[in-house]
């Protein structure tokens, strides 16, 4: 059930150790890292959520809008599913009959919501942690190179 528990725990331990080390750095490094962490949180919590919301809402909104348009303006109204699924062991057009259509529609909408909630933006945190390490090592090399 918890397939990635060990690997994620390793990442969290590495992040914790890195942040502990960052707290012991000189003030100029801490200012740069702190501003970068604030930017990371802004990107991961705001921009990433907007991108996910647009991606997840595309199929349900298209389904809702095309069904509404068809019901209001077409001579022969049609229903549209979020993902076009055929009803097992039945004719293809039976998938639009009640209650199958409504049950599948609610199931697909619930799947989209669960997908949105469970998709994390940890990519930004991983990327930023690598950036911090690179930034500190680069500055350390530059400081030691030009020190003499």
Protein backbone atom coordinates (compact mmCIF):
# COMPACT_ATOMS: atom_id res chain seq x y z
CA UNK A 1 0.00 0.00 0.00
CA UNK A 2 2.81 2.42 0.82
CA UNK A 3 5.14 1.69 -2.08
CA UNK A 4 7.22 4.86 -1.91
CA UNK A 5 7.33 5.26 1.86
CA UNK A 6 11.08 4.50 2.16
CA UNK A 7 12.17 6.65 -0.80
CA UNK A 8 10.00 9.61 0.24
CA UNK A 9 11.25 9.28 3.82
CA UNK A 10 14.82 9.43 2.45
CA UNK A 11 13.98 12.61 0.53
CA UNK A 12 12.38 14.21 3.57
CA UNK A 13 15.38 13.30 5.73
CA UNK A 14 17.72 14.79 3.12
CA UNK A 15 15.66 17.99 2.96
CA UNK A 16 15.64 18.25 6.75
CA UNK A 17 19.40 17.80 6.93
CA UNK A 18 19.97 20.33 4.14
CA UNK A 19 17.73 22.94 5.78
CA UNK A 20 19.49 22.33 9.09
CA UNK A 21 22.81 23.01 7.33
CA UNK A 22 21.38 26.11 5.62
CA UNK A 23 20.54 27.58 9.02
CA UNK A 24 24.21 27.43 9.98
CA UNK A 25 25.45 29.30 6.88
CA UNK A 26 26.51 32.94 6.81
CA UNK A 27 23.74 35.55 6.56
CA UNK A 28 24.24 36.30 2.85
CA UNK A 29 23.48 32.68 1.97
CA UNK A 30 20.50 32.51 4.29
CA UNK A 31 18.93 35.60 2.68
CA UNK A 32 19.28 34.09 -0.81
CA UNK A 33 17.91 30.71 0.27
CA UNK A 34 15.02 32.28 2.18
CA UNK A 35 13.94 34.34 -0.83
CA UNK A 36 14.20 31.30 -3.06
CA UNK A 37 12.08 29.23 -0.67
CA UNK A 38 9.39 31.94 -0.71
CA UNK A 39 9.43 31.91 -4.52
CA UNK A 40 9.22 28.12 -4.54
CA UNK A 41 6.17 28.16 -2.28
CA UNK A 42 4.54 30.77 -4.51
CA UNK A 43 5.13 28.67 -7.63
CA UNK A 44 4.22 25.34 -6.11
CA UNK A 45 1.13 26.44 -4.22
CA UNK A 46 -0.32 29.02 -6.59
CA UNK A 47 0.87 28.60 -10.16
CA UNK A 48 1.00 24.80 -10.02
CA UNK A 49 -2.51 24.61 -8.56
CA UNK A 50 -3.82 26.85 -11.33
CA UNK A 51 -2.19 24.64 -13.97
CA UNK A 52 -3.62 21.51 -12.35
CA UNK A 53 -7.08 23.01 -12.03
CA UNK A 54 -7.11 23.93 -15.72
CA UNK A 55 -5.85 20.49 -16.75
CA UNK A 56 -8.34 18.63 -14.56
CA UNK A 57 -11.32 20.84 -15.40
CA UNK A 58 -10.83 20.67 -19.17
CA UNK A 59 -12.65 17.39 -19.77
CA UNK A 60 -15.56 17.90 -17.34
CA UNK A 61 -16.15 21.47 -18.55
CA UNK A 62 -16.05 20.44 -22.21
CA UNK A 63 -18.51 17.67 -21.45
CA UNK A 64 -20.85 19.98 -19.56
CA UNK A 65 -20.69 22.76 -22.15
CA UNK A 66 -21.15 20.52 -25.19
CA UNK A 67 -24.07 18.71 -23.53
CA UNK A 68 -25.72 22.01 -22.61
CA UNK A 69 -25.21 23.38 -26.11
CA UNK A 70 -26.62 20.23 -27.66
CA UNK A 71 -29.64 20.23 -25.33
CA UNK A 72 -30.41 23.89 -26.03
CA UNK A 73 -29.67 24.34 -29.73
CA UNK A 74 -29.61 21.00 -31.57
CA UNK A 75 -32.71 19.45 -33.06
CA UNK A 76 -31.66 16.02 -31.82
CA UNK A 77 -30.06 16.61 -28.39
CA UNK A 78 -27.05 14.52 -27.50
CA UNK A 79 -25.25 13.79 -24.25
CA UNK A 80 -21.47 13.85 -23.95
CA UNK A 81 -19.43 11.94 -21.39
CA UNK A 82 -16.25 13.14 -19.72
CA UNK A 83 -14.46 10.09 -21.12
CA UNK A 84 -16.39 8.17 -23.73
CA UNK A 85 -17.00 4.71 -22.27
CA UNK A 86 -19.15 2.01 -23.81
CA UNK A 87 -21.61 0.15 -21.65
CA UNK A 88 -20.41 -3.45 -21.38
CA UNK A 89 -22.46 -6.06 -23.28
CA UNK A 90 -24.80 -3.43 -24.72
CA UNK A 91 -25.26 -1.34 -27.80
CA UNK A 92 -22.96 1.72 -28.00
CA UNK A 93 -25.84 4.22 -27.78
CA UNK A 94 -27.16 2.69 -24.55
CA UNK A 95 -24.33 4.37 -22.64
CA UNK A 96 -26.32 7.63 -22.74
CA UNK A 97 -29.41 6.17 -21.04
CA UNK A 98 -30.23 6.68 -17.38
CA UNK A 99 -28.93 5.65 -14.84
CA UNK A 100 -25.72 4.43 -16.52
CA UNK A 101 -24.87 7.85 -17.92
CA UNK A 102 -25.33 9.64 -14.58
CA UNK A 103 -23.44 7.01 -12.57
CA UNK A 104 -20.47 7.03 -14.93
CA UNK A 105 -20.54 10.82 -15.09
CA UNK A 106 -20.42 11.16 -11.29
CA UNK A 107 -17.67 8.52 -11.11
CA UNK A 108 -15.56 10.35 -13.71
CA UNK A 109 -16.10 13.70 -11.98
CA UNK A 110 -15.04 12.15 -8.67
CA UNK A 111 -11.95 10.67 -10.33
CA UNK A 112 -11.01 14.09 -11.67
CA UNK A 113 -11.37 15.67 -8.23
CA UNK A 114 -9.33 12.91 -6.56
CA UNK A 115 -6.67 13.25 -9.26
CA UNK A 116 -6.44 16.98 -8.59
CA UNK A 117 -6.23 16.61 -4.82
CA UNK A 118 -3.56 13.89 -4.89
CA UNK A 119 -1.24 15.41 -7.46
CA UNK A 120 1.49 17.20 -5.54
CA UNK A 121 3.90 19.87 -6.63
CA UNK A 122 6.91 18.30 -4.93
CA UNK A 123 8.86 18.68 -8.17
CA UNK A 124 9.48 22.33 -7.31
CA UNK A 125 10.76 21.49 -3.85
CA UNK A 126 13.12 18.84 -5.24
CA UNK A 127 14.36 21.21 -7.91
CA UNK A 128 14.87 24.06 -5.44
CA UNK A 129 16.76 21.84 -3.02
CA UNK A 130 19.17 20.91 -5.82
CA UNK A 131 19.45 24.58 -6.72
CA UNK A 132 20.39 25.47 -3.13
CA UNK A 133 23.09 22.83 -3.06
CA UNK A 134 24.48 23.99 -6.39
CA UNK A 135 24.36 27.65 -5.33
CA UNK A 136 26.18 27.01 -2.06
CA UNK A 137 28.83 24.77 -3.61
CA UNK A 138 29.44 27.24 -6.43
CA UNK A 139 29.82 30.12 -4.00
CA UNK A 140 32.07 28.01 -1.79
CA UNK A 141 34.32 27.22 -4.77
CA UNK A 142 34.40 30.86 -5.87
CA UNK A 143 35.16 32.04 -2.34
CA UNK A 144 38.00 29.55 -1.89
CA UNK A 145 39.39 30.15 -5.38
CA UNK A 146 39.68 33.91 -5.08
CA UNK A 147 40.60 33.90 -1.40
CA UNK A 148 44.31 33.53 -2.03
